[in-house]
Amino acid sequence: MKKIAIIDDVPEYRHLFSSLLEGKYQVLEARDGREGLEIIEKEIPDLIFLDVSMPGMGGFEFIEMLRKHASLYHIPVIAVTAHSVFSAKKAIEKGCNDFLLKPLIPTKILDMINKWIEPA
């Protein structure tokens, strides 16, 4: 079963992903970038959804650290932000592969998954 990591400090967003992907993918959840790195180093996911703005280690610091790991560099990362297209474009510049703007829409989440990984 393919693995998708959700790194977001808002429990409701993590729950949205989990309920949407349950049974189709193994979902790995983290509340911030530091926890996210710990989780994905143990169980390498096929795709990461990354909140850009989080307390502690935020999305930009996370993506910078991730892209330094040779064994994790290949993982597609989708930036998730409520701020603006400007923030999303900055995430792309920092190393994310794509972005989604909040509020999240289930069909857009599924479209993004299908764009970046082969079906489970």
PDB file of N, CA and C in Angstrom:
ATOM      1  N   MET A   1       0.847  -1.181   0.000  1.00  0.00           N
ATOM      2  CA  MET A   1       0.000   0.000   0.000  1.00  0.00           C
ATOM      3  C   MET A   1       0.891   1.242   0.000  1.00  0.00           C
ATOM      4  N   LYS A   2       0.599   2.170  -0.860  1.00  0.00           N
ATOM      5  CA  LYS A   2       1.360   3.416  -0.948  1.00  0.00           C
ATOM      6  C   LYS A   2       1.136   4.245   0.317  1.00  0.00           C
ATOM      7  N   LYS A   3       2.166   5.036   0.661  1.00  0.00           N
ATOM      8  CA  LYS A   3       2.127   5.846   1.876  1.00  0.00           C
ATOM      9  C   LYS A   3       2.096   7.327   1.524  1.00  0.00           C
ATOM     10  N   ILE A   4       1.245   8.051   2.244  1.00  0.00           N
ATOM     11  CA  ILE A   4       1.167   9.497   2.084  1.00  0.00           C
ATOM     12  C   ILE A   4       1.334  10.134   3.463  1.00  0.00           C
ATOM     13  N   ALA A   5       2.274  11.071   3.564  1.00  0.00           N
ATOM     14  CA  ALA A   5       2.505  11.788   4.816  1.00  0.00           C
ATOM     15  C   ALA A   5       1.762  13.116   4.788  1.00  0.00           C
ATOM     16  N   ILE A   6       1.104  13.411   5.909  1.00  0.00           N
ATOM     17  CA  ILE A   6       0.401  14.673   6.091  1.00  0.00           C
ATOM     18  C   ILE A   6       1.098  15.395   7.233  1.00  0.00           C
ATOM     19  N   ILE A   7       1.700  16.533   6.937  1.00  0.00           N
ATOM     20  CA  ILE A   7       2.398  17.306   7.961  1.00  0.00           C
ATOM     21  C   ILE A   7       1.667  18.642   8.085  1.00  0.00           C
ATOM     22  N   ASP A   8       0.883  18.754   9.159  1.00  0.00           N
ATOM     23  CA  ASP A   8       0.038  19.932   9.364  1.00  0.00           C
ATOM     24  C   ASP A   8      -0.251  20.065  10.851  1.00  0.00           C
ATOM     25  N   ASP A   9      -0.179  21.274  11.378  1.00  0.00           N
ATOM     26  CA  ASP A   9      -0.429  21.480  12.801  1.00  0.00           C
ATOM     27  C   ASP A   9      -1.912  21.527  13.151  1.00  0.00           C
ATOM     28  N   VAL A  10      -2.790  21.585  12.164  1.00  0.00           N
ATOM     29  CA  VAL A  10      -4.229  21.671  12.425  1.00  0.00           C
ATOM     30  C   VAL A  10      -4.845  20.265  12.371  1.00  0.00           C
ATOM     31  N   PRO A  11      -5.351  19.779  13.516  1.00  0.00           N
ATOM     32  CA  PRO A  11      -5.908  18.422  13.558  1.00  0.00           C
ATOM     33  C   PRO A  11      -7.034  18.186  12.544  1.00  0.00           C
ATOM     34  N   GLU A  12      -7.842  19.203  12.292  1.00  0.00           N
ATOM     35  CA  GLU A  12      -8.962  19.048  11.352  1.00  0.00           C
ATOM     36  C   GLU A  12      -8.471  18.752   9.934  1.00  0.00           C
ATOM     37  N   TYR A  13      -7.385  19.371   9.541  1.00  0.00           N
ATOM     38  CA  TYR A  13      -6.839  19.094   8.205  1.00  0.00           C
ATOM     39  C   TYR A  13      -6.249  17.690   8.135  1.00  0.00           C
ATOM     40  N   ARG A  14      -5.542  17.286   9.183  1.00  0.00           N
ATOM     41  CA  ARG A  14      -5.021  15.918   9.206  1.00  0.00           C
ATOM     42  C   ARG A  14      -6.159  14.909   9.154  1.00  0.00           C
ATOM     43  N   HIS A  15      -7.236  15.199   9.874  1.00  0.00           N
ATOM     44  CA  HIS A  15      -8.397  14.308   9.872  1.00  0.00           C
ATOM     45  C   HIS A  15      -9.048  14.256   8.485  1.00  0.00           C
ATOM     46  N   LEU A  16      -9.137  15.397   7.810  1.00  0.00           N
ATOM     47  CA  LEU A  16      -9.714  15.432   6.461  1.00  0.00           C
ATOM     48  C   LEU A  16      -8.937  14.506   5.532  1.00  0.00           C
ATOM     49  N   PHE A  17      -7.619  14.619   5.542  1.00  0.00           N
ATOM     50  CA  PHE A  17      -6.795  13.743   4.711  1.00  0.00           C
ATOM     51  C   PHE A  17      -6.990  12.281   5.101  1.00  0.00           C
ATOM     52  N   SER A  18      -6.922  12.002   6.390  1.00  0.00           N
ATOM     53  CA  SER A  18      -7.033  10.612   6.858  1.00  0.00           C
ATOM     54  C   SER A  18      -8.354   9.984   6.451  1.00  0.00           C
ATOM     55  N   SER A  19      -9.448  10.700   6.649  1.00  0.00           N
ATOM     56  CA  SER A  19     -10.756  10.137   6.305  1.00  0.00           C
ATOM     57  C   SER A  19     -10.920   9.978   4.795  1.00  0.00           C
ATOM     58  N   LEU A  20     -10.339  10.876   4.025  1.00  0.00           N
ATOM     59  CA  LEU A  20     -10.423  10.803   2.571  1.00  0.00           C
ATOM     60  C   LEU A  20      -9.592   9.647   2.005  1.00  0.00           C
ATOM     61  N   LEU A  21      -8.442   9.386   2.616  1.00  0.00           N
ATOM     62  CA  LEU A  21      -7.491   8.416   2.066  1.00  0.00           C
ATOM     63  C   LEU A  21      -7.555   7.044   2.731  1.00  0.00           C
ATOM     64  N   GLU A  22      -8.317   6.933   3.804  1.00  0.00           N
ATOM     65  CA  GLU A  22      -8.413   5.687   4.561  1.00  0.00           C
ATOM     66  C   GLU A  22      -8.780   4.507   3.661  1.00  0.00           C
ATOM     67  N   GLY A  23      -8.031   3.439   3.785  1.00  0.00           N
ATOM     68  CA  GLY A  23      -8.288   2.230   3.005  1.00  0.00           C
ATOM     69  C   GLY A  23      -7.618   2.208   1.641  1.00  0.00           C
ATOM     70  N   LYS A  24      -7.267   3.392   1.118  1.00  0.00           N
ATOM     71  CA  LYS A  24      -6.613   3.476  -0.192  1.00  0.00           C
ATOM     72  C   LYS A  24      -5.105   3.648  -0.051  1.00  0.00           C
ATOM     73  N   TYR A  25      -4.706   4.340   1.008  1.00  0.00           N
ATOM     74  CA  TYR A  25      -3.302   4.639   1.262  1.00  0.00           C
ATOM     75  C   TYR A  25      -3.026   4.497   2.751  1.00  0.00           C
ATOM     76  N   GLN A  26      -1.779   4.238   3.083  1.00  0.00           N
ATOM     77  CA  GLN A  26      -1.375   4.308   4.481  1.00  0.00           C
ATOM     78  C   GLN A  26      -1.045   5.762   4.750  1.00  0.00           C
ATOM     79  N   VAL A  27      -1.680   6.355   5.757  1.00  0.00           N
ATOM     80  CA  VAL A  27      -1.487   7.766   6.061  1.00  0.00           C
ATOM     81  C   VAL A  27      -0.564   7.915   7.269  1.00  0.00           C
ATOM     82  N   LEU A  28       0.483   8.710   7.097  1.00  0.00           N
ATOM     83  CA  LEU A  28       1.417   9.040   8.169  1.00  0.00           C
ATOM     84  C   LEU A  28       1.139  10.485   8.555  1.00  0.00           C
ATOM     85  N   GLU A  29       0.947  10.749   9.843  1.00  0.00           N
ATOM     86  CA  GLU A  29       0.608  12.099  10.283  1.00  0.00           C
ATOM     87  C   GLU A  29       1.669  12.690  11.187  1.00  0.00           C
ATOM     88  N   ALA A  30       1.901  14.001  11.017  1.00  0.00           N
ATOM     89  CA  ALA A  30       2.825  14.731  11.881  1.00  0.00           C
ATOM     90  C   ALA A  30       2.268  16.130  12.135  1.00  0.00           C
ATOM     91  N   ARG A  31       2.587  16.674  13.328  1.00  0.00           N
ATOM     92  CA  ARG A  31       2.069  17.988  13.727  1.00  0.00           C
ATOM     93  C   ARG A  31       2.988  19.144  13.371  1.00  0.00           C
ATOM     94  N   ASP A  32       4.235  18.849  13.013  1.00  0.00           N
ATOM     95  CA  ASP A  32       5.158  19.909  12.592  1.00  0.00           C
ATOM     96  C   ASP A  32       6.286  19.279  11.780  1.00  0.00           C
ATOM     97  N   GLY A  33       7.159  20.112  11.288  1.00  0.00           N
ATOM     98  CA  GLY A  33       8.231  19.633  10.423  1.00  0.00           C
ATOM     99  C   GLY A  33       9.191  18.673  11.104  1.00  0.00           C
ATOM    100  N   ARG A  34       9.513  18.934  12.360  1.00  0.00           N
ATOM    101  CA  ARG A  34      10.447  18.071  13.077  1.00  0.00           C
ATOM    102  C   ARG A  34       9.867  16.667  13.231  1.00  0.00           C
ATOM    103  N   GLU A  35       8.623  16.585  13.659  1.00  0.00           N
ATOM    104  CA  GLU A  35       7.950  15.284  13.779  1.00  0.00           C
ATOM    105  C   GLU A  35       7.821  14.627  12.408  1.00  0.00           C
ATOM    106  N   GLY A  36       7.565  15.440  11.385  1.00  0.00           N
ATOM    107  CA  GLY A  36       7.459  14.922  10.026  1.00  0.00           C
ATOM    108  C   GLY A  36       8.746  14.263   9.560  1.00  0.00           C
ATOM    109  N   LEU A  37       9.885  14.908   9.814  1.00  0.00           N
ATOM    110  CA  LEU A  37      11.173  14.322   9.430  1.00  0.00           C
ATOM    111  C   LEU A  37      11.417  13.001  10.142  1.00  0.00           C
ATOM    112  N   GLU A  38      11.089  12.952  11.432  1.00  0.00           N
ATOM    113  CA  GLU A  38      11.264  11.714  12.197  1.00  0.00           C
ATOM    114  C   GLU A  38      10.442  10.577  11.596  1.00  0.00           C
ATOM    115  N   ILE A  39       9.208  10.878  11.249  1.00  0.00           N
ATOM    116  CA  ILE A  39       8.303   9.852  10.710  1.00  0.00           C
ATOM    117  C   ILE A  39       8.764   9.381   9.335  1.00  0.00           C
ATOM    118  N   ILE A  40       9.101  10.321   8.447  1.00  0.00           N
ATOM    119  CA  ILE A  40       9.422   9.897   7.079  1.00  0.00           C
ATOM    120  C   ILE A  40      10.796   9.255   6.964  1.00  0.00           C
ATOM    121  N   GLU A  41      11.675   9.495   7.928  1.00  0.00           N
ATOM    122  CA  GLU A  41      12.957   8.790   7.918  1.00  0.00           C
ATOM    123  C   GLU A  41      12.759   7.310   8.252  1.00  0.00           C
ATOM    124  N   LYS A  42      11.716   6.997   9.031  1.00  0.00           N
ATOM    125  CA  LYS A  42      11.421   5.610   9.415  1.00  0.00           C
ATOM    126  C   LYS A  42      10.575   4.902   8.361  1.00  0.00           C
ATOM    127  N   GLU A  43       9.578   5.598   7.857  1.00  0.00           N
ATOM    128  CA  GLU A  43       8.663   5.016   6.871  1.00  0.00           C
ATOM    129  C   GLU A  43       8.590   5.964   5.682  1.00  0.00           C
ATOM    130  N   ILE A  44       9.388   5.720   4.692  1.00  0.00           N
ATOM    131  CA  ILE A  44       9.498   6.638   3.557  1.00  0.00           C
ATOM    132  C   ILE A  44       8.185   6.649   2.763  1.00  0.00           C
ATOM    133  N   PRO A  45       7.526   7.816   2.707  1.00  0.00           N
ATOM    134  CA  PRO A  45       6.261   7.905   1.980  1.00  0.00           C
ATOM    135  C   PRO A  45       6.465   8.080   0.472  1.00  0.00           C
ATOM    136  N   ASP A  46       5.385   7.877  -0.261  1.00  0.00           N
ATOM    137  CA  ASP A  46       5.397   8.086  -1.711  1.00  0.00           C
ATOM    138  C   ASP A  46       5.068   9.530  -2.073  1.00  0.00           C
ATOM    139  N   LEU A  47       4.454  10.249  -1.116  1.00  0.00           N
ATOM    140  CA  LEU A  47       4.018  11.630  -1.345  1.00  0.00           C
ATOM    141  C   LEU A  47       3.877  12.312   0.010  1.00  0.00           C
ATOM    142  N   ILE A  48       4.166  13.614   0.052  1.00  0.00           N
ATOM    143  CA  ILE A  48       4.025  14.397   1.286  1.00  0.00           C
ATOM    144  C   ILE A  48       3.161  15.621   1.006  1.00  0.00           C
ATOM    145  N   PHE A  49       2.163  15.845   1.867  1.00  0.00           N
ATOM    146  CA  PHE A  49       1.412  17.099   1.884  1.00  0.00           C
ATOM    147  C   PHE A  49       1.950  17.887   3.067  1.00  0.00           C
ATOM    148  N   LEU A  50       2.450  19.088   2.809  1.00  0.00           N
ATOM    149  CA  LEU A  50       3.175  19.868   3.802  1.00  0.00           C
ATOM    150  C   LEU A  50       2.545  21.238   4.008  1.00  0.00           C
ATOM    151  N   ASP A  51       2.052  21.482   5.230  1.00  0.00           N
ATOM    152  CA  ASP A  51       1.572  22.814   5.578  1.00  0.00           C
ATOM    153  C   ASP A  51       2.780  23.748   5.609  1.00  0.00           C
ATOM    154  N   VAL A  52       2.665  24.884   4.982  1.00  0.00           N
ATOM    155  CA  VAL A  52       3.780  25.813   4.896  1.00  0.00           C
ATOM    156  C   VAL A  52       3.994  26.545   6.217  1.00  0.00           C
ATOM    157  N   SER A  53       2.912  26.892   6.908  1.00  0.00           N
ATOM    158  CA  SER A  53       3.000  27.705   8.116  1.00  0.00           C
ATOM    159  C   SER A  53       2.617  26.885   9.346  1.00  0.00           C
ATOM    160  N   MET A  54       3.633  26.515  10.145  1.00  0.00           N
ATOM    161  CA  MET A  54       3.405  25.746  11.373  1.00  0.00           C
ATOM    162  C   MET A  54       4.342  26.272  12.447  1.00  0.00           C
ATOM    163  N   PRO A  55       3.931  26.148  13.723  1.00  0.00           N
ATOM    164  CA  PRO A  55       4.866  26.497  14.797  1.00  0.00           C
ATOM    165  C   PRO A  55       6.002  25.479  14.861  1.00  0.00           C
ATOM    166  N   GLY A  56       7.074  25.837  15.521  1.00  0.00           N
ATOM    167  CA  GLY A  56       8.220  24.931  15.571  1.00  0.00           C
ATOM    168  C   GLY A  56       8.902  24.936  14.218  1.00  0.00           C
ATOM    169  N   MET A  57       9.213  23.752  13.704  1.00  0.00           N
ATOM    170  CA  MET A  57       9.809  23.664  12.374  1.00  0.00           C
ATOM    171  C   MET A  57       8.704  23.791  11.336  1.00  0.00           C
ATOM    172  N   GLY A  58       8.692  24.885  10.611  1.00  0.00           N
ATOM    173  CA  GLY A  58       7.680  25.123   9.595  1.00  0.00           C
ATOM    174  C   GLY A  58       7.992  24.435   8.282  1.00  0.00           C
ATOM    175  N   GLY A  59       7.128  24.652   7.320  1.00  0.00           N
ATOM    176  CA  GLY A  59       7.243  23.989   6.031  1.00  0.00           C
ATOM    177  C   GLY A  59       8.496  24.325   5.248  1.00  0.00           C
ATOM    178  N   PHE A  60       8.916  25.591   5.263  1.00  0.00           N
ATOM    179  CA  PHE A  60      10.094  25.970   4.493  1.00  0.00           C
ATOM    180  C   PHE A  60      11.354  25.337   5.069  1.00  0.00           C
ATOM    181  N   GLU A  61      11.470  25.316   6.397  1.00  0.00           N
ATOM    182  CA  GLU A  61      12.620  24.683   7.021  1.00  0.00           C
ATOM    183  C   GLU A  61      12.595  23.167   6.770  1.00  0.00           C
ATOM    184  N   PHE A  62      11.394  22.578   6.836  1.00  0.00           N
ATOM    185  CA  PHE A  62      11.252  21.142   6.582  1.00  0.00           C
ATOM    186  C   PHE A  62      11.733  20.771   5.182  1.00  0.00           C
ATOM    187  N   ILE A  63      11.268  21.506   4.170  1.00  0.00           N
ATOM    188  CA  ILE A  63      11.606  21.150   2.786  1.00  0.00           C
ATOM    189  C   ILE A  63      13.106  21.323   2.551  1.00  0.00           C
ATOM    190  N   GLU A  64      13.692  22.328   3.181  1.00  0.00           N
ATOM    191  CA  GLU A  64      15.139  22.530   3.058  1.00  0.00           C
ATOM    192  C   GLU A  64      15.901  21.331   3.632  1.00  0.00           C
ATOM    193  N   MET A  65      15.470  20.850   4.785  1.00  0.00           N
ATOM    194  CA  MET A  65      16.121  19.688   5.417  1.00  0.00           C
ATOM    195  C   MET A  65      15.883  18.427   4.582  1.00  0.00           C
ATOM    196  N   LEU A  66      14.663  18.245   4.106  1.00  0.00           N
ATOM    197  CA  LEU A  66      14.317  17.051   3.321  1.00  0.00           C
ATOM    198  C   LEU A  66      15.169  16.956   2.064  1.00  0.00           C
ATOM    199  N   ARG A  67      15.326  18.056   1.368  1.00  0.00           N
ATOM    200  CA  ARG A  67      16.056  18.049   0.100  1.00  0.00           C
ATOM    201  C   ARG A  67      17.556  17.805   0.289  1.00  0.00           C
ATOM    202  N   LYS A  68      18.042  17.863   1.526  1.00  0.00           N
ATOM    203  CA  LYS A  68      19.446  17.549   1.808  1.00  0.00           C
ATOM    204  C   LYS A  68      19.672  16.052   2.010  1.00  0.00           C
ATOM    205  N   HIS A  69      18.594  15.291   2.245  1.00  0.00           N
ATOM    206  CA  HIS A  69      18.698  13.840   2.454  1.00  0.00           C
ATOM    207  C   HIS A  69      18.674  13.122   1.101  1.00  0.00           C
ATOM    208  N   ALA A  70      19.752  12.495   0.745  1.00  0.00           N
ATOM    209  CA  ALA A  70      19.819  11.796  -0.542  1.00  0.00           C
ATOM    210  C   ALA A  70      18.743  10.714  -0.670  1.00  0.00           C
ATOM    211  N   SER A  71      18.413  10.038   0.433  1.00  0.00           N
ATOM    212  CA  SER A  71      17.428   8.947   0.366  1.00  0.00           C
ATOM    213  C   SER A  71      15.984   9.450   0.370  1.00  0.00           C
ATOM    214  N   LEU A  72      15.785  10.735   0.649  1.00  0.00           N
ATOM    215  CA  LEU A  72      14.424  11.294   0.714  1.00  0.00           C
ATOM    216  C   LEU A  72      14.171  12.351  -0.360  1.00  0.00           C
ATOM    217  N   TYR A  73      15.210  12.742  -1.058  1.00  0.00           N
ATOM    218  CA  TYR A  73      15.140  13.841  -2.025  1.00  0.00           C
ATOM    219  C   TYR A  73      14.077  13.629  -3.099  1.00  0.00           C
ATOM    220  N   HIS A  74      13.872  12.385  -3.494  1.00  0.00           N
ATOM    221  CA  HIS A  74      12.981  12.054  -4.608  1.00  0.00           C
ATOM    222  C   HIS A  74      11.489  12.186  -4.286  1.00  0.00           C
ATOM    223  N   ILE A  75      11.125  12.298  -3.016  1.00  0.00           N
ATOM    224  CA  ILE A  75       9.708  12.284  -2.627  1.00  0.00           C
ATOM    225  C   ILE A  75       9.027  13.581  -3.076  1.00  0.00           C
ATOM    226  N   PRO A  76       7.926  13.468  -3.831  1.00  0.00           N
ATOM    227  CA  PRO A  76       7.186  14.675  -4.196  1.00  0.00           C
ATOM    228  C   PRO A  76       6.550  15.306  -2.952  1.00  0.00           C
ATOM    229  N   VAL A  77       6.653  16.624  -2.857  1.00  0.00           N
ATOM    230  CA  VAL A  77       6.102  17.363  -1.731  1.00  0.00           C
ATOM    231  C   VAL A  77       5.119  18.406  -2.263  1.00  0.00           C
ATOM    232  N   ILE A  78       3.898  18.351  -1.722  1.00  0.00           N
ATOM    233  CA  ILE A  78       2.855  19.308  -2.099  1.00  0.00           C
ATOM    234  C   ILE A  78       2.697  20.303  -0.962  1.00  0.00           C
ATOM    235  N   ALA A  79       2.998  21.555  -1.214  1.00  0.00           N
ATOM    236  CA  ALA A  79       2.817  22.605  -0.202  1.00  0.00           C
ATOM    237  C   ALA A  79       1.330  22.889  -0.052  1.00  0.00           C
ATOM    238  N   VAL A  80       0.910  23.046   1.182  1.00  0.00           N
ATOM    239  CA  VAL A  80      -0.481  23.376   1.485  1.00  0.00           C
ATOM    240  C   VAL A  80      -0.460  24.680   2.264  1.00  0.00           C
ATOM    241  N   THR A  81      -1.175  25.680   1.767  1.00  0.00           N
ATOM    242  CA  THR A  81      -1.139  26.982   2.426  1.00  0.00           C
ATOM    243  C   THR A  81      -2.484  27.693   2.342  1.00  0.00           C
ATOM    244  N   ALA A  82      -2.751  28.481   3.376  1.00  0.00           N
ATOM    245  CA  ALA A  82      -3.955  29.313   3.391  1.00  0.00           C
ATOM    246  C   ALA A  82      -3.605  30.757   3.071  1.00  0.00           C
ATOM    247  N   HIS A  83      -2.321  31.037   2.919  1.00  0.00           N
ATOM    248  CA  HIS A  83      -1.891  32.431   2.823  1.00  0.00           C
ATOM    249  C   HIS A  83      -2.148  33.061   1.458  1.00  0.00           C
ATOM    250  N   SER A  84      -1.532  32.556   0.433  1.00  0.00           N
ATOM    251  CA  SER A  84      -1.704  33.169  -0.883  1.00  0.00           C
ATOM    252  C   SER A  84      -0.950  32.371  -1.922  1.00  0.00           C
ATOM    253  N   VAL A  85      -1.194  32.715  -3.155  1.00  0.00           N
ATOM    254  CA  VAL A  85      -0.440  32.112  -4.248  1.00  0.00           C
ATOM    255  C   VAL A  85       1.032  32.491  -4.114  1.00  0.00           C
ATOM    256  N   PHE A  86       1.315  33.700  -3.591  1.00  0.00           N
ATOM    257  CA  PHE A  86       2.704  34.116  -3.386  1.00  0.00           C
ATOM    258  C   PHE A  86       3.423  33.142  -2.457  1.00  0.00           C
ATOM    259  N   SER A  87       2.778  32.772  -1.353  1.00  0.00           N
ATOM    260  CA  SER A  87       3.363  31.821  -0.400  1.00  0.00           C
ATOM    261  C   SER A  87       3.563  30.459  -1.062  1.00  0.00           C
ATOM    262  N   ALA A  88       2.601  30.058  -1.881  1.00  0.00           N
ATOM    263  CA  ALA A  88       2.704  28.778  -2.592  1.00  0.00           C
ATOM    264  C   ALA A  88       3.867  28.802  -3.578  1.00  0.00           C
ATOM    265  N   LYS A  89       4.035  29.909  -4.300  1.00  0.00           N
ATOM    266  CA  LYS A  89       5.145  30.022  -5.250  1.00  0.00           C
ATOM    267  C   LYS A  89       6.482  30.019  -4.524  1.00  0.00           C
ATOM    268  N   LYS A  90       6.528  30.621  -3.344  1.00  0.00           N
ATOM    269  CA  LYS A  90       7.757  30.591  -2.548  1.00  0.00           C
ATOM    270  C   LYS A  90       8.082  29.148  -2.154  1.00  0.00           C
ATOM    271  N   ALA A  91       7.053  28.356  -1.836  1.00  0.00           N
ATOM    272  CA  ALA A  91       7.259  26.946  -1.486  1.00  0.00           C
ATOM    273  C   ALA A  91       7.862  26.179  -2.666  1.00  0.00           C
ATOM    274  N   ILE A  92       7.414  26.484  -3.871  1.00  0.00           N
ATOM    275  CA  ILE A  92       7.963  25.846  -5.072  1.00  0.00           C
ATOM    276  C   ILE A  92       9.442  26.233  -5.217  1.00  0.00           C
ATOM    277  N   GLU A  93       9.745  27.506  -5.014  1.00  0.00           N
ATOM    278  CA  GLU A  93      11.130  27.963  -5.097  1.00  0.00           C
ATOM    279  C   GLU A  93      12.021  27.267  -4.072  1.00  0.00           C
ATOM    280  N   LYS A  94      11.468  26.958  -2.905  1.00  0.00           N
ATOM    281  CA  LYS A  94      12.228  26.322  -1.830  1.00  0.00           C
ATOM    282  C   LYS A  94      12.433  24.824  -2.059  1.00  0.00           C
ATOM    283  N   GLY A  95      11.638  24.228  -2.976  1.00  0.00           N
ATOM    284  CA  GLY A  95      11.843  22.813  -3.259  1.00  0.00           C
ATOM    285  C   GLY A  95      10.598  21.951  -3.283  1.00  0.00           C
ATOM    286  N   CYS A  96       9.427  22.527  -3.018  1.00  0.00           N
ATOM    287  CA  CYS A  96       8.187  21.748  -3.140  1.00  0.00           C
ATOM    288  C   CYS A  96       7.889  21.519  -4.623  1.00  0.00           C
ATOM    289  N   ASN A  97       7.150  20.470  -4.910  1.00  0.00           N
ATOM    290  CA  ASN A  97       6.849  20.131  -6.298  1.00  0.00           C
ATOM    291  C   ASN A  97       5.578  20.780  -6.817  1.00  0.00           C
ATOM    292  N   ASP A  98       4.647  21.071  -5.914  1.00  0.00           N
ATOM    293  CA  ASP A  98       3.344  21.595  -6.317  1.00  0.00           C
ATOM    294  C   ASP A  98       2.714  22.216  -5.085  1.00  0.00           C
ATOM    295  N   PHE A  99       1.488  22.781  -5.242  1.00  0.00           N
ATOM    296  CA  PHE A  99       0.824  23.363  -4.080  1.00  0.00           C
ATOM    297  C   PHE A  99      -0.686  23.251  -4.178  1.00  0.00           C
ATOM    298  N   LEU A 100      -1.315  23.302  -2.998  1.00  0.00           N
ATOM    299  CA  LEU A 100      -2.768  23.378  -2.853  1.00  0.00           C
ATOM    300  C   LEU A 100      -3.065  24.554  -1.940  1.00  0.00           C
ATOM    301  N   LEU A 101      -4.084  25.320  -2.276  1.00  0.00           N
ATOM    302  CA  LEU A 101      -4.504  26.418  -1.420  1.00  0.00           C
ATOM    303  C   LEU A 101      -5.659  25.966  -0.529  1.00  0.00           C
ATOM    304  N   LYS A 102      -5.615  26.375   0.741  1.00  0.00           N
ATOM    305  CA  LYS A 102      -6.719  26.115   1.662  1.00  0.00           C
ATOM    306  C   LYS A 102      -7.793  27.154   1.411  1.00  0.00           C
ATOM    307  N   PRO A 103      -9.067  26.845   1.620  1.00  0.00           N
ATOM    308  CA  PRO A 103      -9.588  25.611   2.198  1.00  0.00           C
ATOM    309  C   PRO A 103      -9.446  24.450   1.210  1.00  0.00           C
ATOM    310  N   LEU A 104      -9.180  23.276   1.783  1.00  0.00           N
ATOM    311  CA  LEU A 104      -8.945  22.086   0.966  1.00  0.00           C
ATOM    312  C   LEU A 104     -10.250  21.491   0.460  1.00  0.00           C
ATOM    313  N   ILE A 105     -10.220  21.071  -0.791  1.00  0.00           N
ATOM    314  CA  ILE A 105     -11.375  20.448  -1.437  1.00  0.00           C
ATOM    315  C   ILE A 105     -10.980  19.011  -1.763  1.00  0.00           C
ATOM    316  N   PRO A 106     -11.760  18.034  -1.283  1.00  0.00           N
ATOM    317  CA  PRO A 106     -11.389  16.626  -1.474  1.00  0.00           C
ATOM    318  C   PRO A 106     -11.032  16.245  -2.912  1.00  0.00           C
ATOM    319  N   THR A 107     -11.786  16.717  -3.886  1.00  0.00           N
ATOM    320  CA  THR A 107     -11.482  16.346  -5.275  1.00  0.00           C
ATOM    321  C   THR A 107     -10.123  16.891  -5.719  1.00  0.00           C
ATOM    322  N   LYS A 108      -9.747  18.063  -5.220  1.00  0.00           N
ATOM    323  CA  LYS A 108      -8.444  18.636  -5.580  1.00  0.00           C
ATOM    324  C   LYS A 108      -7.309  17.851  -4.919  1.00  0.00           C
ATOM    325  N   ILE A 109      -7.547  17.364  -3.702  1.00  0.00           N
ATOM    326  CA  ILE A 109      -6.551  16.526  -3.028  1.00  0.00           C
ATOM    327  C   ILE A 109      -6.327  15.257  -3.843  1.00  0.00           C
ATOM    328  N   LEU A 110      -7.410  14.611  -4.244  1.00  0.00           N
ATOM    329  CA  LEU A 110      -7.305  13.368  -5.023  1.00  0.00           C
ATOM    330  C   LEU A 110      -6.656  13.610  -6.379  1.00  0.00           C
ATOM    331  N   ASP A 111      -6.990  14.726  -7.015  1.00  0.00           N
ATOM    332  CA  ASP A 111      -6.352  15.068  -8.297  1.00  0.00           C
ATOM    333  C   ASP A 111      -4.847  15.238  -8.126  1.00  0.00           C
ATOM    334  N   MET A 112      -4.446  15.870  -7.030  1.00  0.00           N
ATOM    335  CA  MET A 112      -3.024  16.088  -6.779  1.00  0.00           C
ATOM    336  C   MET A 112      -2.314  14.750  -6.540  1.00  0.00           C
ATOM    337  N   ILE A 113      -2.944  13.863  -5.812  1.00  0.00           N
ATOM    338  CA  ILE A 113      -2.362  12.532  -5.579  1.00  0.00           C
ATOM    339  C   ILE A 113      -2.177  11.813  -6.908  1.00  0.00           C
ATOM    340  N   ASN A 114      -3.206  11.813  -7.736  1.00  0.00           N
ATOM    341  CA  ASN A 114      -3.131  11.139  -9.034  1.00  0.00           C
ATOM    342  C   ASN A 114      -2.093  11.759  -9.957  1.00  0.00           C
ATOM    343  N   LYS A 115      -1.840  13.034  -9.786  1.00  0.00           N
ATOM    344  CA  LYS A 115      -0.832  13.730 -10.602  1.00  0.00           C
ATOM    345  C   LYS A 115       0.581  13.275 -10.231  1.00  0.00           C
ATOM    346  N   TRP A 116       0.821  12.988  -8.938  1.00  0.00           N
ATOM    347  CA  TRP A 116       2.184  12.766  -8.472  1.00  0.00           C
ATOM    348  C   TRP A 116       2.554  11.328  -8.160  1.00  0.00           C
ATOM    349  N   ILE A 117       1.586  10.465  -7.925  1.00  0.00           N
ATOM    350  CA  ILE A 117       1.917   9.060  -7.702  1.00  0.00           C
ATOM    351  C   ILE A 117       0.952   8.166  -8.464  1.00  0.00           C
ATOM    352  N   GLU A 118       1.431   6.998  -8.823  1.00  0.00           N
ATOM    353  CA  GLU A 118       0.578   6.052  -9.535  1.00  0.00           C
ATOM    354  C   GLU A 118      -0.475   5.524  -8.588  1.00  0.00           C
ATOM    355  N   PRO A 119      -1.667   5.189  -9.097  1.00  0.00           N
ATOM    356  CA  PRO A 119      -2.737   4.700  -8.221  1.00  0.00           C
ATOM    357  C   PRO A 119      -2.304   3.506  -7.385  1.00  0.00           C
ATOM    358  N   ALA A 120      -2.892   3.436  -6.208  1.00  0.00           N
ATOM    359  CA  ALA A 120      -2.579   2.343  -5.272  1.00  0.00           C
ATOM    360  C   ALA A 120      -3.073   1.019  -5.809  1.00  0.00           C
TER     361      ALA A 120
END
